[in-house]
Amino acid sequence: MKFSIIIPALNEAKTIASCLLALQPLRSDCEIIIVDATNEQPLANYPHTCLADQIISSEKGRARQMNIGASHANGDILIFLHADTTLPENALQLIEQHLGNKQWGRFDIRLSGDHFMLNVIAWMMNSRSRLTGIATGDQVIFVTKEAFDAAGHYPEIALMEDIALSKALKKISPPIYIDAKVVSSGRRWERYGLYRTILLMWSLRLRYFFGADPQLLAELYCRGTFWKP
């Protein structure tokens, strides 16, 4: 079984090296593909490019970037990893052990940071995912190439592409929930305020459920606000 780790990147020059270094022990069993939408200082210009198998330039848009990465992937299993997220050491073995007759899944998540509420938020994210069968990108979605193609890939929308893909994949197979935790940065939660960000994320998901334009939701998400001025 061959794996492809696909990393969408935008202005990640300061963080991508640590992400790639953490993945080096896995390279005997997988390829690493970065899809970079940075314009001014593309990652291909940096010396750590040897830590990845492919660095592909793309227009901005996380869903578009991940689809491009998938189109260049040689693996049987696609793993979509954010640049600020770290996989558990035995991530590939865990995926291979759990797949069985299922086609996709995600890991539990832990948020880095000192505030105790970050642990509560992570618990809520993991519990909600188990209840709904919906995974978020922060939880590191993995999927067979066959199922990804059958689901029609990520819809190229400005936000909530992970939710849309999860809904499509649920029609193909129930998800796998791996207890081992990926560690994702809690910087956004701390920057905008923990409680404010919780309410914002709930608000965005509710609006998406009722048909709000993902482009508007993306603008609100980037601003950390509930409405567009």
C-alpha atoms as a PDB file:
ATOM      1  CA  MET A   1       0.000   0.000   0.000  1.00  0.00           C
ATOM      2  CA  LYS A   2       1.468   3.351  -1.039  1.00  0.00           C
ATOM      3  CA  PHE A   3       0.566   6.667   0.565  1.00  0.00           C
ATOM      4  CA  SER A   4       0.605  10.234  -0.717  1.00  0.00           C
ATOM      5  CA  ILE A   5       0.654  13.105   1.784  1.00  0.00           C
ATOM      6  CA  ILE A   6      -0.734  16.260   0.194  1.00  0.00           C
ATOM      7  CA  ILE A   7      -0.038  19.601   1.878  1.00  0.00           C
ATOM      8  CA  PRO A   8      -1.782  22.778   0.654  1.00  0.00           C
ATOM      9  CA  ALA A   9       0.410  25.775   1.478  1.00  0.00           C
ATOM     10  CA  LEU A  10      -0.084  29.530   1.456  1.00  0.00           C
ATOM     11  CA  ASN A  11       2.552  31.816   2.974  1.00  0.00           C
ATOM     12  CA  GLU A  12       3.970  28.921   4.989  1.00  0.00           C
ATOM     13  CA  ALA A  13       7.688  29.626   4.478  1.00  0.00           C
ATOM     14  CA  LYS A  14       8.257  30.001   8.235  1.00  0.00           C
ATOM     15  CA  THR A  15       6.476  26.793   9.233  1.00  0.00           C
ATOM     16  CA  ILE A  16       6.795  24.366   6.326  1.00  0.00           C
ATOM     17  CA  ALA A  17      10.307  23.174   7.215  1.00  0.00           C
ATOM     18  CA  SER A  18       9.244  21.858  10.636  1.00  0.00           C
ATOM     19  CA  CYS A  19       6.224  20.185   9.028  1.00  0.00           C
ATOM     20  CA  LEU A  20       8.393  18.451   6.428  1.00  0.00           C
ATOM     21  CA  LEU A  21      11.095  17.433   8.900  1.00  0.00           C
ATOM     22  CA  ALA A  22       8.472  15.650  11.008  1.00  0.00           C
ATOM     23  CA  LEU A  23       7.394  13.665   7.929  1.00  0.00           C
ATOM     24  CA  GLN A  24      10.842  12.439   6.877  1.00  0.00           C
ATOM     25  CA  PRO A  25      10.667   9.115   8.797  1.00  0.00           C
ATOM     26  CA  LEU A  26       7.569   8.249   6.736  1.00  0.00           C
ATOM     27  CA  ARG A  27       9.113   8.788   3.304  1.00  0.00           C
ATOM     28  CA  SER A  28      10.034   5.162   2.735  1.00  0.00           C
ATOM     29  CA  ASP A  29       6.314   4.370   2.564  1.00  0.00           C
ATOM     30  CA  CYS A  30       4.891   7.561   1.100  1.00  0.00           C
ATOM     31  CA  GLU A  31       5.480  10.547  -1.128  1.00  0.00           C
ATOM     32  CA  ILE A  32       5.129  14.139   0.059  1.00  0.00           C
ATOM     33  CA  ILE A  33       3.437  16.627  -2.252  1.00  0.00           C
ATOM     34  CA  ILE A  34       3.244  20.351  -1.495  1.00  0.00           C
ATOM     35  CA  VAL A  35       0.802  22.456  -3.496  1.00  0.00           C
ATOM     36  CA  ASP A  36       1.885  26.045  -2.984  1.00  0.00           C
ATOM     37  CA  ALA A  37      -0.277  29.089  -3.711  1.00  0.00           C
ATOM     38  CA  THR A  38       2.293  31.638  -2.475  1.00  0.00           C
ATOM     39  CA  ASN A  39       3.015  34.296  -5.097  1.00  0.00           C
ATOM     40  CA  GLU A  40       5.727  36.613  -3.745  1.00  0.00           C
ATOM     41  CA  GLN A  41       8.118  33.984  -2.318  1.00  0.00           C
ATOM     42  CA  PRO A  42       7.124  30.528  -3.585  1.00  0.00           C
ATOM     43  CA  LEU A  43       8.291  27.594  -1.493  1.00  0.00           C
ATOM     44  CA  ALA A  44      10.161  26.173  -4.493  1.00  0.00           C
ATOM     45  CA  ASN A  45      12.723  28.945  -3.961  1.00  0.00           C
ATOM     46  CA  TYR A  46      13.651  27.691  -0.483  1.00  0.00           C
ATOM     47  CA  PRO A  47      16.389  25.132   0.323  1.00  0.00           C
ATOM     48  CA  HIS A  48      14.082  22.722   2.189  1.00  0.00           C
ATOM     49  CA  THR A  49      12.437  21.653  -1.061  1.00  0.00           C
ATOM     50  CA  CYS A  50      14.525  18.466  -0.920  1.00  0.00           C
ATOM     51  CA  LEU A  51      12.303  17.389   1.978  1.00  0.00           C
ATOM     52  CA  ALA A  52       9.357  16.901  -0.393  1.00  0.00           C
ATOM     53  CA  ASP A  53       8.920  14.745  -3.486  1.00  0.00           C
ATOM     54  CA  GLN A  54       6.936  17.307  -5.441  1.00  0.00           C
ATOM     55  CA  ILE A  55       6.288  21.036  -5.067  1.00  0.00           C
ATOM     56  CA  ILE A  56       3.522  22.207  -7.361  1.00  0.00           C
ATOM     57  CA  SER A  57       2.468  25.817  -7.917  1.00  0.00           C
ATOM     58  CA  SER A  58      -1.243  26.569  -7.859  1.00  0.00           C
ATOM     59  CA  GLU A  59      -3.741  29.353  -7.705  1.00  0.00           C
ATOM     60  CA  LYS A  60      -5.049  30.171  -4.238  1.00  0.00           C
ATOM     61  CA  GLY A  61      -7.817  27.986  -2.840  1.00  0.00           C
ATOM     62  CA  ARG A  62      -7.326  25.080  -0.444  1.00  0.00           C
ATOM     63  CA  ALA A  63      -9.793  22.788  -2.203  1.00  0.00           C
ATOM     64  CA  ARG A  64      -8.224  23.527  -5.590  1.00  0.00           C
ATOM     65  CA  GLN A  65      -4.741  22.934  -4.176  1.00  0.00           C
ATOM     66  CA  MET A  66      -5.683  19.582  -2.650  1.00  0.00           C
ATOM     67  CA  ASN A  67      -7.349  18.432  -5.860  1.00  0.00           C
ATOM     68  CA  ILE A  68      -4.243  19.348  -7.844  1.00  0.00           C
ATOM     69  CA  GLY A  69      -2.085  17.465  -5.380  1.00  0.00           C
ATOM     70  CA  ALA A  70      -4.332  14.420  -5.660  1.00  0.00           C
ATOM     71  CA  SER A  71      -4.114  14.535  -9.455  1.00  0.00           C
ATOM     72  CA  HIS A  72      -0.312  14.265  -9.200  1.00  0.00           C
ATOM     73  CA  ALA A  73      -0.334  11.584  -6.483  1.00  0.00           C
ATOM     74  CA  ASN A  74       0.888   8.056  -7.075  1.00  0.00           C
ATOM     75  CA  GLY A  75      -0.407   6.621  -3.806  1.00  0.00           C
ATOM     76  CA  ASP A  76      -3.324   4.301  -3.179  1.00  0.00           C
ATOM     77  CA  ILE A  77      -4.184   6.320  -0.052  1.00  0.00           C
ATOM     78  CA  LEU A  78      -4.344  10.123  -0.039  1.00  0.00           C
ATOM     79  CA  ILE A  79      -3.648  11.978   3.222  1.00  0.00           C
ATOM     80  CA  PHE A  80      -4.573  15.674   3.276  1.00  0.00           C
ATOM     81  CA  LEU A  81      -2.387  17.420   5.842  1.00  0.00           C
ATOM     82  CA  HIS A  82      -2.384  21.085   6.902  1.00  0.00           C
ATOM     83  CA  ALA A  83       1.062  22.643   7.210  1.00  0.00           C
ATOM     84  CA  ASP A  84       0.509  23.475  10.897  1.00  0.00           C
ATOM     85  CA  THR A  85      -0.525  19.927  11.841  1.00  0.00           C
ATOM     86  CA  THR A  86       1.657  17.007  12.955  1.00  0.00           C
ATOM     87  CA  LEU A  87       0.840  13.345  12.418  1.00  0.00           C
ATOM     88  CA  PRO A  88       1.391  10.657  15.083  1.00  0.00           C
ATOM     89  CA  GLU A  89       4.588   8.664  14.525  1.00  0.00           C
ATOM     90  CA  ASN A  90       2.801   5.492  13.395  1.00  0.00           C
ATOM     91  CA  ALA A  91       0.167   7.264  11.317  1.00  0.00           C
ATOM     92  CA  LEU A  92       0.616   5.168   8.173  1.00  0.00           C
ATOM     93  CA  GLN A  93       0.490   1.862  10.038  1.00  0.00           C
ATOM     94  CA  LEU A  94      -2.641   2.971  11.870  1.00  0.00           C
ATOM     95  CA  ILE A  95      -4.378   3.908   8.625  1.00  0.00           C
ATOM     96  CA  GLU A  96      -3.438   0.590   7.019  1.00  0.00           C
ATOM     97  CA  GLN A  97      -4.621  -1.371  10.074  1.00  0.00           C
ATOM     98  CA  HIS A  98      -7.978   0.407  10.278  1.00  0.00           C
ATOM     99  CA  LEU A  99      -8.996   0.695   6.624  1.00  0.00           C
ATOM    100  CA  GLY A 100     -10.265  -2.847   6.113  1.00  0.00           C
ATOM    101  CA  ASN A 101     -13.372  -2.612   3.942  1.00  0.00           C
ATOM    102  CA  LYS A 102     -13.825   1.091   4.674  1.00  0.00           C
ATOM    103  CA  GLN A 103     -12.602   3.800   2.359  1.00  0.00           C
ATOM    104  CA  TRP A 104     -11.809   6.893   4.397  1.00  0.00           C
ATOM    105  CA  GLY A 105     -11.457   8.407   7.823  1.00  0.00           C
ATOM    106  CA  ARG A 106      -9.673  10.863  10.074  1.00  0.00           C
ATOM    107  CA  PHE A 107      -7.676  11.121  13.298  1.00  0.00           C
ATOM    108  CA  ASP A 108      -8.644  12.561  16.631  1.00  0.00           C
ATOM    109  CA  ILE A 109      -7.139  16.003  17.187  1.00  0.00           C
ATOM    110  CA  ARG A 110      -5.301  17.835  19.939  1.00  0.00           C
ATOM    111  CA  LEU A 111      -4.786  21.606  19.775  1.00  0.00           C
ATOM    112  CA  SER A 112      -1.406  22.980  20.813  1.00  0.00           C
ATOM    113  CA  GLY A 113      -1.354  25.815  23.338  1.00  0.00           C
ATOM    114  CA  ASP A 114      -1.517  26.453  27.068  1.00  0.00           C
ATOM    115  CA  HIS A 115      -5.172  27.368  27.627  1.00  0.00           C
ATOM    116  CA  PHE A 116      -7.167  24.501  29.170  1.00  0.00           C
ATOM    117  CA  MET A 117     -10.115  25.304  26.894  1.00  0.00           C
ATOM    118  CA  LEU A 118      -8.107  24.116  23.883  1.00  0.00           C
ATOM    119  CA  ASN A 119      -8.441  20.575  25.258  1.00  0.00           C
ATOM    120  CA  VAL A 120     -12.185  21.089  25.642  1.00  0.00           C
ATOM    121  CA  ILE A 121     -12.473  22.411  22.092  1.00  0.00           C
ATOM    122  CA  ALA A 122     -10.558  19.423  20.714  1.00  0.00           C
ATOM    123  CA  TRP A 123     -12.795  17.030  22.670  1.00  0.00           C
ATOM    124  CA  MET A 124     -15.868  18.761  21.245  1.00  0.00           C
ATOM    125  CA  MET A 125     -14.478  18.509  17.700  1.00  0.00           C
ATOM    126  CA  ASN A 126     -13.743  14.796  18.079  1.00  0.00           C
ATOM    127  CA  SER A 127     -17.107  14.051  19.703  1.00  0.00           C
ATOM    128  CA  ARG A 128     -19.077  16.003  17.105  1.00  0.00           C
ATOM    129  CA  SER A 129     -17.246  14.180  14.321  1.00  0.00           C
ATOM    130  CA  ARG A 130     -18.133  10.791  15.767  1.00  0.00           C
ATOM    131  CA  LEU A 131     -21.754  11.844  16.145  1.00  0.00           C
ATOM    132  CA  THR A 132     -22.167  13.285  12.645  1.00  0.00           C
ATOM    133  CA  GLY A 133     -19.669  11.295  10.591  1.00  0.00           C
ATOM    134  CA  ILE A 134     -18.222  14.590   9.338  1.00  0.00           C
ATOM    135  CA  ALA A 135     -14.476  15.274   9.454  1.00  0.00           C
ATOM    136  CA  THR A 136     -12.678  18.603   9.379  1.00  0.00           C
ATOM    137  CA  GLY A 137      -9.420  19.248   7.575  1.00  0.00           C
ATOM    138  CA  ASP A 138      -7.650  19.828  10.896  1.00  0.00           C
ATOM    139  CA  GLN A 139      -8.349  16.190  11.789  1.00  0.00           C
ATOM    140  CA  VAL A 140      -6.361  15.050   8.713  1.00  0.00           C
ATOM    141  CA  ILE A 141      -8.705  13.331   6.288  1.00  0.00           C
ATOM    142  CA  PHE A 142      -7.353  10.207   4.579  1.00  0.00           C
ATOM    143  CA  VAL A 143      -9.118   8.422   1.735  1.00  0.00           C
ATOM    144  CA  THR A 144      -8.474   5.788  -0.897  1.00  0.00           C
ATOM    145  CA  LYS A 145      -7.772   7.247  -4.316  1.00  0.00           C
ATOM    146  CA  GLU A 146     -10.674   5.204  -5.676  1.00  0.00           C
ATOM    147  CA  ALA A 147     -13.162   6.653  -3.178  1.00  0.00           C
ATOM    148  CA  PHE A 148     -11.821  10.189  -3.647  1.00  0.00           C
ATOM    149  CA  ASP A 149     -12.431   9.918  -7.384  1.00  0.00           C
ATOM    150  CA  ALA A 150     -15.873   8.385  -6.833  1.00  0.00           C
ATOM    151  CA  ALA A 151     -16.817  11.249  -4.480  1.00  0.00           C
ATOM    152  CA  GLY A 152     -15.956  13.793  -7.157  1.00  0.00           C
ATOM    153  CA  HIS A 153     -12.966  15.268  -5.271  1.00  0.00           C
ATOM    154  CA  TYR A 154     -13.128  18.357  -3.089  1.00  0.00           C
ATOM    155  CA  PRO A 155     -15.747  20.824  -4.330  1.00  0.00           C
ATOM    156  CA  GLU A 156     -13.788  23.962  -5.188  1.00  0.00           C
ATOM    157  CA  ILE A 157     -15.580  26.274  -2.798  1.00  0.00           C
ATOM    158  CA  ALA A 158     -13.999  28.931  -0.590  1.00  0.00           C
ATOM    159  CA  LEU A 159     -14.778  27.233   2.738  1.00  0.00           C
ATOM    160  CA  MET A 160     -16.395  24.058   4.122  1.00  0.00           C
ATOM    161  CA  GLU A 161     -14.853  21.878   1.415  1.00  0.00           C
ATOM    162  CA  ASP A 162     -13.971  19.302   4.065  1.00  0.00           C
ATOM    163  CA  ILE A 163     -17.585  19.062   5.213  1.00  0.00           C
ATOM    164  CA  ALA A 164     -18.812  18.721   1.630  1.00  0.00           C
ATOM    165  CA  LEU A 165     -16.297  15.977   0.891  1.00  0.00           C
ATOM    166  CA  SER A 166     -17.213  14.134   4.090  1.00  0.00           C
ATOM    167  CA  LYS A 167     -20.877  14.126   3.090  1.00  0.00           C
ATOM    168  CA  ALA A 168     -20.004  12.687  -0.317  1.00  0.00           C
ATOM    169  CA  LEU A 169     -17.698  10.039   1.164  1.00  0.00           C
ATOM    170  CA  LYS A 170     -20.317   8.948   3.719  1.00  0.00           C
ATOM    171  CA  LYS A 171     -22.407   7.726   0.784  1.00  0.00           C
ATOM    172  CA  ILE A 172     -19.536   5.430  -0.200  1.00  0.00           C
ATOM    173  CA  SER A 173     -18.367   4.180   3.185  1.00  0.00           C
ATOM    174  CA  PRO A 174     -18.724   4.960   6.888  1.00  0.00           C
ATOM    175  CA  PRO A 175     -15.690   6.858   8.219  1.00  0.00           C
ATOM    176  CA  ILE A 176     -12.903   5.469  10.375  1.00  0.00           C
ATOM    177  CA  TYR A 177     -12.105   7.315  13.606  1.00  0.00           C
ATOM    178  CA  ILE A 178      -8.520   6.781  14.742  1.00  0.00           C
ATOM    179  CA  ASP A 179      -8.002   7.576  18.422  1.00  0.00           C
ATOM    180  CA  ALA A 180      -4.339   8.508  17.970  1.00  0.00           C
ATOM    181  CA  LYS A 181      -4.134  12.275  17.895  1.00  0.00           C
ATOM    182  CA  VAL A 182      -2.779  14.661  15.329  1.00  0.00           C
ATOM    183  CA  VAL A 183      -1.545  17.908  16.851  1.00  0.00           C
ATOM    184  CA  SER A 184      -2.795  21.085  15.211  1.00  0.00           C
ATOM    185  CA  SER A 185      -1.905  24.665  16.017  1.00  0.00           C
ATOM    186  CA  GLY A 186      -4.228  26.507  18.384  1.00  0.00           C
ATOM    187  CA  ARG A 187      -2.902  29.855  17.178  1.00  0.00           C
ATOM    188  CA  ARG A 188      -6.110  30.949  15.471  1.00  0.00           C
ATOM    189  CA  TRP A 189      -8.202  30.164  18.540  1.00  0.00           C
ATOM    190  CA  GLU A 190      -5.852  32.163  20.754  1.00  0.00           C
ATOM    191  CA  ARG A 191      -5.489  35.049  18.304  1.00  0.00           C
ATOM    192  CA  TYR A 192      -9.208  35.778  17.963  1.00  0.00           C
ATOM    193  CA  GLY A 193     -10.251  34.614  21.431  1.00  0.00           C
ATOM    194  CA  LEU A 194     -11.307  31.091  22.338  1.00  0.00           C
ATOM    195  CA  TYR A 195     -14.974  31.684  23.104  1.00  0.00           C
ATOM    196  CA  ARG A 196     -15.435  34.112  20.237  1.00  0.00           C
ATOM    197  CA  THR A 197     -13.911  31.610  17.816  1.00  0.00           C
ATOM    198  CA  ILE A 198     -16.111  28.779  19.094  1.00  0.00           C
ATOM    199  CA  LEU A 199     -19.213  30.886  18.448  1.00  0.00           C
ATOM    200  CA  LEU A 200     -17.878  31.975  15.069  1.00  0.00           C
ATOM    201  CA  MET A 201     -17.236  28.399  13.919  1.00  0.00           C
ATOM    202  CA  TRP A 202     -20.674  27.250  15.075  1.00  0.00           C
ATOM    203  CA  SER A 203     -22.216  30.224  13.291  1.00  0.00           C
ATOM    204  CA  LEU A 204     -20.380  29.478  10.032  1.00  0.00           C
ATOM    205  CA  ARG A 205     -21.340  25.810  10.084  1.00  0.00           C
ATOM    206  CA  LEU A 206     -24.979  26.674  10.774  1.00  0.00           C
ATOM    207  CA  ARG A 207     -25.043  29.208   7.954  1.00  0.00           C
ATOM    208  CA  TYR A 208     -23.485  26.681   5.588  1.00  0.00           C
ATOM    209  CA  PHE A 209     -26.151  24.132   6.579  1.00  0.00           C
ATOM    210  CA  PHE A 210     -28.827  26.655   5.622  1.00  0.00           C
ATOM    211  CA  GLY A 211     -27.207  27.387   2.257  1.00  0.00           C
ATOM    212  CA  ALA A 212     -25.031  30.468   2.832  1.00  0.00           C
ATOM    213  CA  ASP A 213     -22.491  31.335   0.134  1.00  0.00           C
ATOM    214  CA  PRO A 214     -19.127  29.691   1.025  1.00  0.00           C
ATOM    215  CA  GLN A 215     -17.307  32.757  -0.321  1.00  0.00           C
ATOM    216  CA  LEU A 216     -19.037  34.960   2.259  1.00  0.00           C
ATOM    217  CA  LEU A 217     -18.318  32.418   4.976  1.00  0.00           C
ATOM    218  CA  ALA A 218     -14.639  32.370   3.985  1.00  0.00           C
ATOM    219  CA  GLU A 219     -14.448  36.162   4.256  1.00  0.00           C
ATOM    220  CA  LEU A 220     -15.996  36.053   7.722  1.00  0.00           C
ATOM    221  CA  TYR A 221     -13.660  33.246   8.747  1.00  0.00           C
ATOM    222  CA  CYS A 222     -10.562  35.142   7.597  1.00  0.00           C
ATOM    223  CA  ARG A 223     -11.657  38.295   9.419  1.00  0.00           C
ATOM    224  CA  GLY A 224     -12.717  36.429  12.543  1.00  0.00           C
ATOM    225  CA  THR A 225     -16.033  38.249  12.512  1.00  0.00           C
ATOM    226  CA  PHE A 226     -19.731  37.313  12.402  1.00  0.00           C
ATOM    227  CA  TRP A 227     -20.780  39.706   9.654  1.00  0.00           C
ATOM    228  CA  LYS A 228     -19.405  41.485   6.631  1.00  0.00           C
ATOM    229  CA  PRO A 229     -19.131  45.256   7.138  1.00  0.00           C
END
